[in-house]
Amino acid sequence: MTATATTVETTAVTTADKTGARTPEAADLIENARERIDTLDDRIIGLIQERMAVSAVIQEARITSGGRRVNLSREMEVLGHYRDALGKPGTTLAMTLLELCRGQV
């Protein structure tokens, strides 16, 4: 039985490779900004989860009182609020939020 040596190539990924920046200064700026975005994304996700919980309380109260789970006029208000604040993409974002918040009540 003969032993054969296997070479494993390792490629060092530089900060510039990860960021697409052409200078170390720009790469540092991008990395710091991405860390901030990651922190903001975590906060946004937490807020969405909180919104989903509050929405579930509202839906439960509405259903328990004999109403419907979804209030379309309220959803239209939410859509308008997001559209006014963020433009057309805001409507898409609001639709996604509303879909998430309709939940399983």
C-alpha atoms as a PDB file:
ATOM      1  CA  MET A   1       0.000   0.000   0.000  1.00  0.00           C
ATOM      2  CA  THR A   2       1.443   3.368  -0.982  1.00  0.00           C
ATOM      3  CA  ALA A   3       0.668   6.645   0.627  1.00  0.00           C
ATOM      4  CA  THR A   4      -0.036   9.596  -1.592  1.00  0.00           C
ATOM      5  CA  ALA A   5       0.205  13.155  -0.438  1.00  0.00           C
ATOM      6  CA  THR A   6      -2.806  15.323  -1.022  1.00  0.00           C
ATOM      7  CA  THR A   7      -2.298  19.017  -1.257  1.00  0.00           C
ATOM      8  CA  VAL A   8      -5.087  21.284  -0.234  1.00  0.00           C
ATOM      9  CA  GLU A   9      -5.033  24.687  -1.755  1.00  0.00           C
ATOM     10  CA  THR A  10      -6.172  27.484   0.463  1.00  0.00           C
ATOM     11  CA  THR A  11      -7.007  30.799  -0.993  1.00  0.00           C
ATOM     12  CA  ALA A  12      -6.868  33.757   1.321  1.00  0.00           C
ATOM     13  CA  VAL A  13      -9.902  35.934   0.878  1.00  0.00           C
ATOM     14  CA  THR A  14      -8.931  39.513   1.436  1.00  0.00           C
ATOM     15  CA  THR A  15     -11.128  42.265   2.793  1.00  0.00           C
ATOM     16  CA  ALA A  16     -11.084  43.822  -0.660  1.00  0.00           C
ATOM     17  CA  ASP A  17     -12.386  40.557  -2.122  1.00  0.00           C
ATOM     18  CA  LYS A  18     -15.261  40.493   0.368  1.00  0.00           C
ATOM     19  CA  THR A  19     -16.211  44.124  -0.110  1.00  0.00           C
ATOM     20  CA  GLY A  20     -15.376  44.797  -3.726  1.00  0.00           C
ATOM     21  CA  ALA A  21     -13.408  47.851  -2.634  1.00  0.00           C
ATOM     22  CA  ARG A  22     -10.239  48.943  -4.386  1.00  0.00           C
ATOM     23  CA  THR A  23      -8.540  50.516  -1.370  1.00  0.00           C
ATOM     24  CA  PRO A  24      -8.063  49.410   2.228  1.00  0.00           C
ATOM     25  CA  GLU A  25      -9.775  52.577   3.415  1.00  0.00           C
ATOM     26  CA  ALA A  26     -12.873  51.879   1.339  1.00  0.00           C
ATOM     27  CA  ALA A  27     -12.851  48.227   2.441  1.00  0.00           C
ATOM     28  CA  ASP A  28     -12.788  49.319   6.099  1.00  0.00           C
ATOM     29  CA  LEU A  29     -15.602  51.788   5.534  1.00  0.00           C
ATOM     30  CA  ILE A  30     -17.699  49.123   3.786  1.00  0.00           C
ATOM     31  CA  GLU A  31     -17.052  46.516   6.499  1.00  0.00           C
ATOM     32  CA  ASN A  32     -18.057  48.986   9.226  1.00  0.00           C
ATOM     33  CA  ALA A  33     -21.175  50.015   7.322  1.00  0.00           C
ATOM     34  CA  ARG A  34     -22.117  46.370   6.777  1.00  0.00           C
ATOM     35  CA  GLU A  35     -21.794  45.704  10.499  1.00  0.00           C
ATOM     36  CA  ARG A  36     -24.181  48.620  11.105  1.00  0.00           C
ATOM     37  CA  ILE A  37     -26.593  47.225   8.508  1.00  0.00           C
ATOM     38  CA  ASP A  38     -26.467  43.805  10.180  1.00  0.00           C
ATOM     39  CA  THR A  39     -27.309  45.450  13.511  1.00  0.00           C
ATOM     40  CA  LEU A  40     -30.156  47.389  11.921  1.00  0.00           C
ATOM     41  CA  ASP A  41     -31.461  44.227  10.234  1.00  0.00           C
ATOM     42  CA  ASP A  42     -31.523  42.450  13.599  1.00  0.00           C
ATOM     43  CA  ARG A  43     -33.505  45.350  15.084  1.00  0.00           C
ATOM     44  CA  ILE A  44     -35.897  45.395  12.118  1.00  0.00           C
ATOM     45  CA  ILE A  45     -36.496  41.652  12.450  1.00  0.00           C
ATOM     46  CA  GLY A  46     -37.183  42.099  16.162  1.00  0.00           C
ATOM     47  CA  LEU A  47     -39.645  44.905  15.435  1.00  0.00           C
ATOM     48  CA  ILE A  48     -41.402  42.803  12.807  1.00  0.00           C
ATOM     49  CA  GLN A  49     -41.717  39.942  15.289  1.00  0.00           C
ATOM     50  CA  GLU A  50     -43.143  42.380  17.838  1.00  0.00           C
ATOM     51  CA  ARG A  51     -45.570  43.709  15.219  1.00  0.00           C
ATOM     52  CA  MET A  52     -46.666  40.152  14.454  1.00  0.00           C
ATOM     53  CA  ALA A  53     -47.392  39.515  18.142  1.00  0.00           C
ATOM     54  CA  VAL A  54     -49.408  42.727  18.522  1.00  0.00           C
ATOM     55  CA  SER A  55     -51.307  41.933  15.337  1.00  0.00           C
ATOM     56  CA  ALA A  56     -52.156  38.478  16.696  1.00  0.00           C
ATOM     57  CA  VAL A  57     -53.670  40.094  19.804  1.00  0.00           C
ATOM     58  CA  ILE A  58     -55.794  42.390  17.634  1.00  0.00           C
ATOM     59  CA  GLN A  59     -56.933  39.547  15.388  1.00  0.00           C
ATOM     60  CA  GLU A  60     -57.835  37.365  18.368  1.00  0.00           C
ATOM     61  CA  ALA A  61     -59.894  40.177  19.911  1.00  0.00           C
ATOM     62  CA  ARG A  62     -61.627  40.830  16.597  1.00  0.00           C
ATOM     63  CA  ILE A  63     -62.453  37.136  16.037  1.00  0.00           C
ATOM     64  CA  THR A  64     -63.562  36.596  19.641  1.00  0.00           C
ATOM     65  CA  SER A  65     -65.966  39.510  19.332  1.00  0.00           C
ATOM     66  CA  GLY A  66     -67.483  37.984  16.201  1.00  0.00           C
ATOM     67  CA  GLY A  67     -65.551  40.029  13.673  1.00  0.00           C
ATOM     68  CA  ARG A  68     -63.324  39.019  10.810  1.00  0.00           C
ATOM     69  CA  ARG A  69     -59.655  38.245  11.225  1.00  0.00           C
ATOM     70  CA  VAL A  70     -58.650  40.871   8.637  1.00  0.00           C
ATOM     71  CA  ASN A  71     -59.841  44.474   8.477  1.00  0.00           C
ATOM     72  CA  LEU A  72     -59.338  45.521   4.857  1.00  0.00           C
ATOM     73  CA  SER A  73     -59.877  49.248   5.467  1.00  0.00           C
ATOM     74  CA  ARG A  74     -57.103  49.179   8.095  1.00  0.00           C
ATOM     75  CA  GLU A  75     -54.834  47.311   5.692  1.00  0.00           C
ATOM     76  CA  MET A  76     -55.438  50.011   3.084  1.00  0.00           C
ATOM     77  CA  GLU A  77     -54.398  52.642   5.668  1.00  0.00           C
ATOM     78  CA  VAL A  78     -51.185  50.726   6.343  1.00  0.00           C
ATOM     79  CA  LEU A  79     -50.465  50.395   2.614  1.00  0.00           C
ATOM     80  CA  GLY A  80     -50.998  54.123   2.122  1.00  0.00           C
ATOM     81  CA  HIS A  81     -48.767  54.994   5.065  1.00  0.00           C
ATOM     82  CA  TYR A  82     -45.873  52.923   3.724  1.00  0.00           C
ATOM     83  CA  ARG A  83     -46.396  54.156   0.148  1.00  0.00           C
ATOM     84  CA  ASP A  84     -46.407  57.782   1.298  1.00  0.00           C
ATOM     85  CA  ALA A  85     -43.234  57.279   3.345  1.00  0.00           C
ATOM     86  CA  LEU A  86     -41.264  55.043   0.963  1.00  0.00           C
ATOM     87  CA  GLY A  87     -42.825  55.333  -2.475  1.00  0.00           C
ATOM     88  CA  LYS A  88     -43.987  52.405  -4.568  1.00  0.00           C
ATOM     89  CA  PRO A  89     -41.542  49.912  -2.954  1.00  0.00           C
ATOM     90  CA  GLY A  90     -43.145  50.844   0.375  1.00  0.00           C
ATOM     91  CA  THR A  91     -46.381  49.294  -0.828  1.00  0.00           C
ATOM     92  CA  THR A  92     -44.584  46.028  -1.532  1.00  0.00           C
ATOM     93  CA  LEU A  93     -42.938  46.134   1.885  1.00  0.00           C
ATOM     94  CA  ALA A  94     -46.290  46.812   3.569  1.00  0.00           C
ATOM     95  CA  MET A  95     -47.924  43.932   1.694  1.00  0.00           C
ATOM     96  CA  THR A  96     -45.188  41.615   2.956  1.00  0.00           C
ATOM     97  CA  LEU A  97     -45.622  42.878   6.522  1.00  0.00           C
ATOM     98  CA  LEU A  98     -49.380  42.457   6.351  1.00  0.00           C
ATOM     99  CA  GLU A  99     -48.972  38.931   5.041  1.00  0.00           C
ATOM    100  CA  LEU A 100     -46.555  38.093   7.862  1.00  0.00           C
ATOM    101  CA  CYS A 101     -48.867  39.627  10.456  1.00  0.00           C
ATOM    102  CA  ARG A 102     -52.028  37.877   9.353  1.00  0.00           C
ATOM    103  CA  GLY A 103     -50.568  34.849  11.091  1.00  0.00           C
ATOM    104  CA  GLN A 104     -52.298  31.676  12.106  1.00  0.00           C
ATOM    105  CA  VAL A 105     -54.989  33.095  14.426  1.00  0.00           C
END
